[in-house]
């Protein structure tokens, strides 16, 4: 599975590291705890849309700052978004940027990680986690 990737020193430029649907792991609850542990004690800058399919921030992420990006065509504001994130990052020692925003998020995550700013492209984690819980609860019945 992806367990070997879940460590604080790992760069997460791809949303596939957080795709928990169809992850083959013997102890999924422990795996999810490992993912949540990546966010403990971090100053988080959350970047994502306030509307659309990925608008909700996972409950275990408590951002110090949030940046709203367009739900669609965010790439048109790529440079502006990156500049805004980099500016906010100067306010914190070793901040963690968590971004949700399709392929634009992947490009921004790459740019930030290459600039020595830790950024996780969180992809569709929240929606997939809800599907996992629904499936888990259905199986229990």
N, C-alpha and C. Protein backbone atom coordinates (compact mmCIF):
# COMPACT_ATOMS: atom_id res chain seq x y z
N UNK A 1 0.84 -1.19 0.00
CA UNK A 1 0.00 0.00 0.00
C UNK A 1 0.88 1.25 0.00
N UNK A 2 0.34 2.33 0.47
CA UNK A 2 1.04 3.61 0.47
C UNK A 2 1.67 3.91 1.84
N UNK A 3 1.58 3.00 2.78
CA UNK A 3 2.04 3.22 4.15
C UNK A 3 3.48 3.73 4.22
N UNK A 4 4.35 3.23 3.36
CA UNK A 4 5.76 3.62 3.38
C UNK A 4 5.95 5.11 3.06
N UNK A 5 4.97 5.74 2.44
CA UNK A 5 5.07 7.15 2.09
C UNK A 5 4.65 8.08 3.22
N UNK A 6 3.95 7.55 4.21
CA UNK A 6 3.36 8.40 5.24
C UNK A 6 4.40 8.69 6.33
N UNK A 7 5.16 9.74 6.11
CA UNK A 7 6.14 10.21 7.09
C UNK A 7 6.36 11.69 6.87
N UNK A 8 6.68 12.39 7.94
CA UNK A 8 6.76 13.85 7.88
C UNK A 8 7.84 14.35 6.93
N UNK A 9 8.87 13.58 6.68
CA UNK A 9 9.96 14.05 5.83
C UNK A 9 9.65 13.87 4.34
N UNK A 10 8.54 13.25 4.02
CA UNK A 10 8.17 12.97 2.63
C UNK A 10 7.51 14.18 1.98
N UNK A 11 7.86 14.46 0.72
CA UNK A 11 7.15 15.50 -0.02
C UNK A 11 5.95 14.85 -0.70
N UNK A 12 4.82 15.53 -0.67
CA UNK A 12 3.59 15.00 -1.25
C UNK A 12 3.12 15.90 -2.38
N UNK A 13 3.78 15.82 -3.49
CA UNK A 13 3.42 16.64 -4.63
C UNK A 13 2.25 16.10 -5.41
N UNK A 14 1.91 14.85 -5.17
CA UNK A 14 0.85 14.21 -5.93
C UNK A 14 -0.35 13.93 -5.03
N UNK A 15 -1.55 14.15 -5.55
CA UNK A 15 -2.74 13.85 -4.75
C UNK A 15 -2.94 12.36 -4.53
N UNK A 16 -2.25 11.52 -5.29
CA UNK A 16 -2.45 10.08 -5.17
C UNK A 16 -1.93 9.53 -3.85
N UNK A 17 -1.06 10.27 -3.19
CA UNK A 17 -0.59 9.84 -1.87
C UNK A 17 -1.71 9.87 -0.84
N UNK A 18 -2.74 10.65 -1.10
CA UNK A 18 -3.85 10.78 -0.16
C UNK A 18 -5.15 10.19 -0.71
N UNK A 19 -5.05 9.43 -1.79
CA UNK A 19 -6.23 8.74 -2.32
C UNK A 19 -6.45 7.50 -1.49
N UNK A 20 -7.39 7.53 -0.60
CA UNK A 20 -7.59 6.41 0.32
C UNK A 20 -8.60 5.40 -0.19
N UNK A 21 -9.25 5.69 -1.28
CA UNK A 21 -10.20 4.74 -1.85
C UNK A 21 -9.41 3.67 -2.60
N UNK A 22 -9.73 2.46 -2.41
CA UNK A 22 -9.05 1.32 -3.02
C UNK A 22 -7.60 1.16 -2.55
N UNK A 23 -7.28 1.70 -1.38
CA UNK A 23 -5.96 1.45 -0.79
C UNK A 23 -6.02 0.08 -0.13
N UNK A 24 -5.06 -0.76 -0.46
CA UNK A 24 -5.01 -2.09 0.12
C UNK A 24 -4.13 -2.03 1.36
N UNK A 25 -4.75 -2.03 2.52
CA UNK A 25 -4.01 -1.98 3.77
C UNK A 25 -4.73 -2.86 4.78
N UNK A 26 -3.96 -3.61 5.54
CA UNK A 26 -4.56 -4.54 6.51
C UNK A 26 -5.25 -3.83 7.66
N UNK A 27 -4.80 -2.63 7.98
CA UNK A 27 -5.38 -1.87 9.08
C UNK A 27 -5.65 -0.44 8.61
N UNK A 28 -6.77 -0.26 7.94
CA UNK A 28 -7.09 1.03 7.34
C UNK A 28 -7.22 2.13 8.38
N UNK A 29 -7.77 1.82 9.54
CA UNK A 29 -7.92 2.84 10.58
C UNK A 29 -6.55 3.34 11.04
N UNK A 30 -5.59 2.44 11.17
CA UNK A 30 -4.24 2.84 11.54
C UNK A 30 -3.60 3.67 10.43
N UNK A 31 -3.85 3.28 9.20
CA UNK A 31 -3.32 4.04 8.06
C UNK A 31 -3.87 5.47 8.06
N UNK A 32 -5.16 5.61 8.31
CA UNK A 32 -5.78 6.94 8.38
C UNK A 32 -5.19 7.75 9.54
N UNK A 33 -4.90 7.09 10.65
CA UNK A 33 -4.25 7.77 11.78
C UNK A 33 -2.87 8.26 11.39
N UNK A 34 -2.16 7.47 10.62
CA UNK A 34 -0.84 7.90 10.13
C UNK A 34 -0.96 9.16 9.28
N UNK A 35 -1.95 9.18 8.40
CA UNK A 35 -2.16 10.36 7.57
C UNK A 35 -2.47 11.58 8.45
N UNK A 36 -3.37 11.41 9.39
CA UNK A 36 -3.74 12.52 10.28
C UNK A 36 -2.52 13.01 11.08
N UNK A 37 -1.61 12.12 11.41
CA UNK A 37 -0.44 12.49 12.21
C UNK A 37 0.48 13.47 11.48
N UNK A 38 0.39 13.52 10.17
CA UNK A 38 1.22 14.44 9.39
C UNK A 38 0.90 15.91 9.68
N UNK A 39 -0.28 16.15 10.25
CA UNK A 39 -0.76 17.51 10.45
C UNK A 39 -0.66 18.00 11.89
N UNK A 40 -0.27 17.11 12.79
CA UNK A 40 -0.19 17.45 14.21
C UNK A 40 0.95 18.44 14.46
N UNK A 41 0.62 19.51 15.15
CA UNK A 41 1.62 20.48 15.55
C UNK A 41 2.17 21.34 14.42
N UNK A 42 1.47 21.40 13.31
CA UNK A 42 1.94 22.19 12.16
C UNK A 42 1.12 23.45 12.02
N UNK A 43 1.77 24.52 11.58
CA UNK A 43 1.07 25.74 11.19
C UNK A 43 0.64 25.51 9.74
N UNK A 44 -0.65 25.40 9.53
CA UNK A 44 -1.18 24.98 8.22
C UNK A 44 -1.80 26.16 7.49
N UNK A 45 -1.41 26.29 6.24
CA UNK A 45 -2.06 27.23 5.33
C UNK A 45 -2.86 26.35 4.37
N UNK A 46 -4.18 26.47 4.46
CA UNK A 46 -5.07 25.65 3.62
C UNK A 46 -5.48 26.46 2.40
N UNK A 47 -5.29 25.88 1.23
CA UNK A 47 -5.60 26.54 -0.03
C UNK A 47 -6.62 25.68 -0.78
N UNK A 48 -7.76 26.25 -1.09
CA UNK A 48 -8.77 25.50 -1.81
C UNK A 48 -9.99 26.35 -2.10
N UNK A 49 -10.93 25.79 -2.87
CA UNK A 49 -12.16 26.53 -3.19
C UNK A 49 -13.13 26.53 -2.01
N UNK A 50 -13.93 27.56 -1.93
CA UNK A 50 -14.96 27.64 -0.89
C UNK A 50 -16.29 27.10 -1.39
N UNK A 51 -16.32 26.67 -2.64
CA UNK A 51 -17.54 26.10 -3.20
C UNK A 51 -17.17 24.93 -4.09
N UNK A 52 -18.18 24.16 -4.49
CA UNK A 52 -17.94 23.03 -5.36
C UNK A 52 -17.75 21.74 -4.60
N UNK A 53 -17.19 20.75 -5.27
CA UNK A 53 -17.12 19.39 -4.71
C UNK A 53 -16.06 19.19 -3.64
N UNK A 54 -15.06 20.05 -3.55
CA UNK A 54 -13.99 19.90 -2.56
C UNK A 54 -13.87 21.10 -1.64
N UNK A 55 -15.00 21.61 -1.19
CA UNK A 55 -15.02 22.84 -0.40
C UNK A 55 -14.76 22.63 1.09
N UNK A 56 -14.96 21.43 1.58
CA UNK A 56 -14.86 21.18 3.02
C UNK A 56 -13.42 20.88 3.42
N UNK A 57 -13.01 21.45 4.53
CA UNK A 57 -11.69 21.18 5.09
C UNK A 57 -11.84 20.00 6.05
N UNK A 58 -11.01 18.96 5.92
CA UNK A 58 -11.12 17.82 6.84
C UNK A 58 -11.05 18.27 8.30
N UNK A 59 -11.79 17.60 9.14
CA UNK A 59 -11.92 18.00 10.55
C UNK A 59 -10.60 17.97 11.31
N UNK A 60 -9.65 17.16 10.90
CA UNK A 60 -8.38 17.07 11.63
C UNK A 60 -7.37 18.12 11.19
N UNK A 61 -7.74 18.95 10.23
CA UNK A 61 -6.87 20.03 9.78
C UNK A 61 -7.41 21.34 10.36
N UNK A 62 -6.58 22.01 11.16
CA UNK A 62 -6.95 23.30 11.75
C UNK A 62 -6.03 24.36 11.16
N UNK A 63 -6.47 24.97 10.06
CA UNK A 63 -5.58 25.93 9.41
C UNK A 63 -5.37 27.21 10.21
N UNK A 64 -4.14 27.71 10.14
CA UNK A 64 -3.82 29.02 10.71
C UNK A 64 -4.30 30.10 9.75
N UNK A 65 -4.27 29.77 8.46
CA UNK A 65 -4.69 30.69 7.39
C UNK A 65 -5.40 29.87 6.32
N UNK A 66 -6.30 30.52 5.60
CA UNK A 66 -6.91 29.88 4.43
C UNK A 66 -6.83 30.84 3.25
N UNK A 67 -6.66 30.26 2.09
CA UNK A 67 -6.66 31.02 0.85
C UNK A 67 -7.71 30.40 -0.05
N UNK A 68 -8.63 31.22 -0.48
CA UNK A 68 -9.68 30.75 -1.39
C UNK A 68 -9.17 30.85 -2.83
N UNK A 69 -9.33 29.75 -3.57
CA UNK A 69 -8.97 29.77 -4.99
C UNK A 69 -10.21 29.41 -5.80
N UNK A 70 -10.23 29.80 -7.07
CA UNK A 70 -11.41 29.48 -7.89
C UNK A 70 -11.61 27.97 -8.01
N UNK A 71 -12.87 27.57 -8.01
CA UNK A 71 -13.20 26.16 -8.20
C UNK A 71 -12.80 25.69 -9.59
N UNK A 72 -12.94 26.56 -10.56
CA UNK A 72 -12.61 26.23 -11.96
C UNK A 72 -11.62 27.25 -12.49
N UNK A 73 -10.78 26.78 -13.40
CA UNK A 73 -9.80 27.64 -14.09
C UNK A 73 -8.86 28.37 -13.13
N UNK A 74 -8.50 27.72 -12.03
CA UNK A 74 -7.59 28.33 -11.07
C UNK A 74 -6.20 28.55 -11.67
N UNK A 75 -5.86 27.77 -12.69
CA UNK A 75 -4.53 27.91 -13.29
C UNK A 75 -4.32 29.30 -13.89
N UNK A 76 -5.42 29.94 -14.27
CA UNK A 76 -5.32 31.31 -14.80
C UNK A 76 -4.75 32.27 -13.75
N UNK A 77 -4.82 31.89 -12.47
CA UNK A 77 -4.31 32.72 -11.38
C UNK A 77 -3.11 32.07 -10.69
N UNK A 78 -2.45 31.17 -11.41
CA UNK A 78 -1.34 30.39 -10.86
C UNK A 78 -0.31 31.27 -10.14
N UNK A 79 0.26 32.23 -10.84
CA UNK A 79 1.31 33.08 -10.28
C UNK A 79 0.81 33.87 -9.07
N UNK A 80 -0.40 34.36 -9.16
CA UNK A 80 -1.00 35.12 -8.05
C UNK A 80 -1.19 34.24 -6.82
N UNK A 81 -1.66 33.02 -7.02
CA UNK A 81 -1.88 32.09 -5.91
C UNK A 81 -0.55 31.72 -5.26
N UNK A 82 0.45 31.39 -6.08
CA UNK A 82 1.77 31.02 -5.55
C UNK A 82 2.36 32.18 -4.76
N UNK A 83 2.26 33.38 -5.28
CA UNK A 83 2.80 34.56 -4.59
C UNK A 83 2.10 34.78 -3.25
N UNK A 84 0.80 34.62 -3.24
CA UNK A 84 0.02 34.79 -2.00
C UNK A 84 0.44 33.75 -0.96
N UNK A 85 0.60 32.51 -1.39
CA UNK A 85 1.02 31.44 -0.47
C UNK A 85 2.41 31.73 0.08
N UNK A 86 3.34 32.06 -0.82
CA UNK A 86 4.72 32.34 -0.38
C UNK A 86 4.76 33.50 0.61
N UNK A 87 3.95 34.51 0.36
CA UNK A 87 3.89 35.65 1.26
C UNK A 87 3.40 35.23 2.65
N UNK A 88 2.34 34.43 2.71
CA UNK A 88 1.82 33.97 4.01
C UNK A 88 2.83 33.08 4.72
N UNK A 89 3.57 32.29 3.97
CA UNK A 89 4.54 31.37 4.56
C UNK A 89 5.64 32.10 5.33
N UNK A 90 5.90 33.34 4.96
CA UNK A 90 6.95 34.09 5.66
C UNK A 90 6.55 34.41 7.10
N UNK A 91 5.26 34.27 7.42
CA UNK A 91 4.77 34.55 8.77
C UNK A 91 4.97 33.40 9.75
N UNK A 92 5.41 32.23 9.25
CA UNK A 92 5.49 31.03 10.08
C UNK A 92 6.84 30.33 9.89
N UNK A 93 7.27 29.68 10.95
CA UNK A 93 8.47 28.84 10.86
C UNK A 93 8.02 27.45 10.41
N UNK A 94 8.54 27.00 9.29
CA UNK A 94 8.24 25.68 8.73
C UNK A 94 6.72 25.42 8.58
N UNK A 95 6.02 26.27 7.84
CA UNK A 95 4.57 26.05 7.65
C UNK A 95 4.33 24.85 6.73
N UNK A 96 3.13 24.34 6.81
CA UNK A 96 2.68 23.27 5.93
C UNK A 96 1.54 23.84 5.09
N UNK A 97 1.69 23.77 3.77
CA UNK A 97 0.63 24.20 2.87
C UNK A 97 -0.13 22.96 2.43
N UNK A 98 -1.44 22.99 2.59
CA UNK A 98 -2.31 21.91 2.14
C UNK A 98 -3.20 22.51 1.06
N UNK A 99 -3.14 21.91 -0.13
CA UNK A 99 -3.87 22.49 -1.25
C UNK A 99 -4.80 21.47 -1.90
N UNK A 100 -5.97 21.95 -2.26
CA UNK A 100 -6.96 21.16 -2.99
C UNK A 100 -7.38 22.02 -4.18
N UNK A 101 -7.25 21.49 -5.37
CA UNK A 101 -7.62 22.31 -6.53
C UNK A 101 -7.30 21.67 -7.87
N UNK A 102 -7.50 20.37 -7.97
CA UNK A 102 -7.29 19.69 -9.25
C UNK A 102 -5.85 19.74 -9.73
N UNK A 103 -5.69 19.81 -11.04
CA UNK A 103 -4.34 19.80 -11.61
C UNK A 103 -3.56 21.06 -11.26
N UNK A 104 -4.26 22.15 -11.02
CA UNK A 104 -3.59 23.37 -10.58
C UNK A 104 -2.91 23.14 -9.23
N UNK A 105 -3.57 22.41 -8.34
CA UNK A 105 -2.99 22.12 -7.03
C UNK A 105 -1.70 21.32 -7.18
N UNK A 106 -1.69 20.37 -8.09
CA UNK A 106 -0.47 19.57 -8.32
C UNK A 106 0.67 20.46 -8.79
N UNK A 107 0.39 21.36 -9.71
CA UNK A 107 1.42 22.27 -10.23
C UNK A 107 1.91 23.21 -9.14
N UNK A 108 1.00 23.74 -8.34
CA UNK A 108 1.39 24.64 -7.25
C UNK A 108 2.19 23.88 -6.20
N UNK A 109 1.75 22.68 -5.87
CA UNK A 109 2.47 21.87 -4.89
C UNK A 109 3.90 21.62 -5.35
N UNK A 110 4.07 21.29 -6.59
CA UNK A 110 5.41 21.08 -7.13
C UNK A 110 6.25 22.36 -7.00
N UNK A 111 5.68 23.46 -7.42
CA UNK A 111 6.38 24.75 -7.36
C UNK A 111 6.81 25.09 -5.93
N UNK A 112 5.92 24.90 -4.97
CA UNK A 112 6.22 25.22 -3.58
C UNK A 112 7.26 24.27 -3.00
N UNK A 113 7.10 22.98 -3.25
CA UNK A 113 8.08 22.02 -2.74
C UNK A 113 9.47 22.28 -3.31
N UNK A 114 9.54 22.68 -4.56
CA UNK A 114 10.83 23.00 -5.17
C UNK A 114 11.40 24.31 -4.62
N UNK A 115 10.54 25.11 -3.99
CA UNK A 115 10.97 26.36 -3.35
C UNK A 115 11.23 26.16 -1.86
N UNK A 116 11.28 24.90 -1.44
CA UNK A 116 11.55 24.53 -0.05
C UNK A 116 10.41 24.90 0.90
N UNK A 117 9.18 24.88 0.39
CA UNK A 117 7.98 25.06 1.21
C UNK A 117 7.22 23.74 1.15
N UNK A 118 7.02 23.12 2.30
CA UNK A 118 6.33 21.84 2.32
C UNK A 118 4.87 22.04 1.94
N UNK A 119 4.45 21.34 0.91
CA UNK A 119 3.07 21.45 0.42
C UNK A 119 2.55 20.07 0.09
N UNK A 120 1.36 19.77 0.58
CA UNK A 120 0.68 18.51 0.27
C UNK A 120 -0.48 18.82 -0.66
N UNK A 121 -0.47 18.19 -1.82
CA UNK A 121 -1.64 18.25 -2.71
C UNK A 121 -2.61 17.22 -2.15
N UNK A 122 -3.62 17.71 -1.46
CA UNK A 122 -4.51 16.83 -0.71
C UNK A 122 -5.61 16.20 -1.55
N UNK A 123 -5.66 16.58 -2.81
CA UNK A 123 -6.59 15.93 -3.73
C UNK A 123 -8.02 15.86 -3.23
N UNK A 124 -8.58 14.70 -3.34
CA UNK A 124 -9.98 14.50 -2.97
C UNK A 124 -10.11 13.70 -1.68
N UNK A 125 -9.14 13.84 -0.80
CA UNK A 125 -9.13 13.05 0.43
C UNK A 125 -10.47 13.10 1.16
N UNK A 126 -10.99 14.27 1.40
CA UNK A 126 -12.19 14.40 2.21
C UNK A 126 -13.38 13.64 1.61
N UNK A 127 -13.57 13.81 0.31
CA UNK A 127 -14.69 13.10 -0.34
C UNK A 127 -14.48 11.60 -0.31
N UNK A 128 -13.24 11.15 -0.55
CA UNK A 128 -12.96 9.72 -0.54
C UNK A 128 -13.06 9.14 0.86
N UNK A 129 -12.71 9.92 1.87
CA UNK A 129 -12.85 9.46 3.25
C UNK A 129 -14.33 9.24 3.58
N UNK A 130 -15.17 10.15 3.14
CA UNK A 130 -16.61 9.98 3.36
C UNK A 130 -17.12 8.71 2.68
N UNK A 131 -16.65 8.43 1.48
CA UNK A 131 -17.04 7.21 0.77
C UNK A 131 -16.56 5.98 1.54
N UNK A 132 -15.34 6.05 2.04
CA UNK A 132 -14.79 4.94 2.83
C UNK A 132 -15.67 4.68 4.05
N UNK A 133 -16.05 5.74 4.78
CA UNK A 133 -16.89 5.58 5.97
C UNK A 133 -18.25 5.01 5.62
N UNK A 134 -18.81 5.46 4.52
CA UNK A 134 -20.11 4.95 4.08
C UNK A 134 -20.01 3.46 3.77
N UNK A 135 -18.97 3.08 3.04
CA UNK A 135 -18.77 1.68 2.68
C UNK A 135 -18.53 0.84 3.94
N UNK A 136 -17.74 1.37 4.86
CA UNK A 136 -17.43 0.66 6.10
C UNK A 136 -18.69 0.44 6.91
N UNK A 137 -19.52 1.47 7.02
CA UNK A 137 -20.77 1.36 7.77
C UNK A 137 -21.77 0.45 7.09
N UNK A 138 -21.76 0.41 5.77
CA UNK A 138 -22.66 -0.49 5.03
C UNK A 138 -22.27 -1.94 5.25
N UNK A 139 -20.99 -2.22 5.27
CA UNK A 139 -20.49 -3.58 5.47
C UNK A 139 -20.83 -4.09 6.86
N UNK A 140 -20.80 -3.22 7.86
CA UNK A 140 -21.10 -3.59 9.25
C UNK A 140 -22.54 -4.02 9.45
N UNK A 141 -23.43 -3.53 8.62
CA UNK A 141 -24.87 -3.79 8.83
C UNK A 141 -25.24 -5.19 8.54
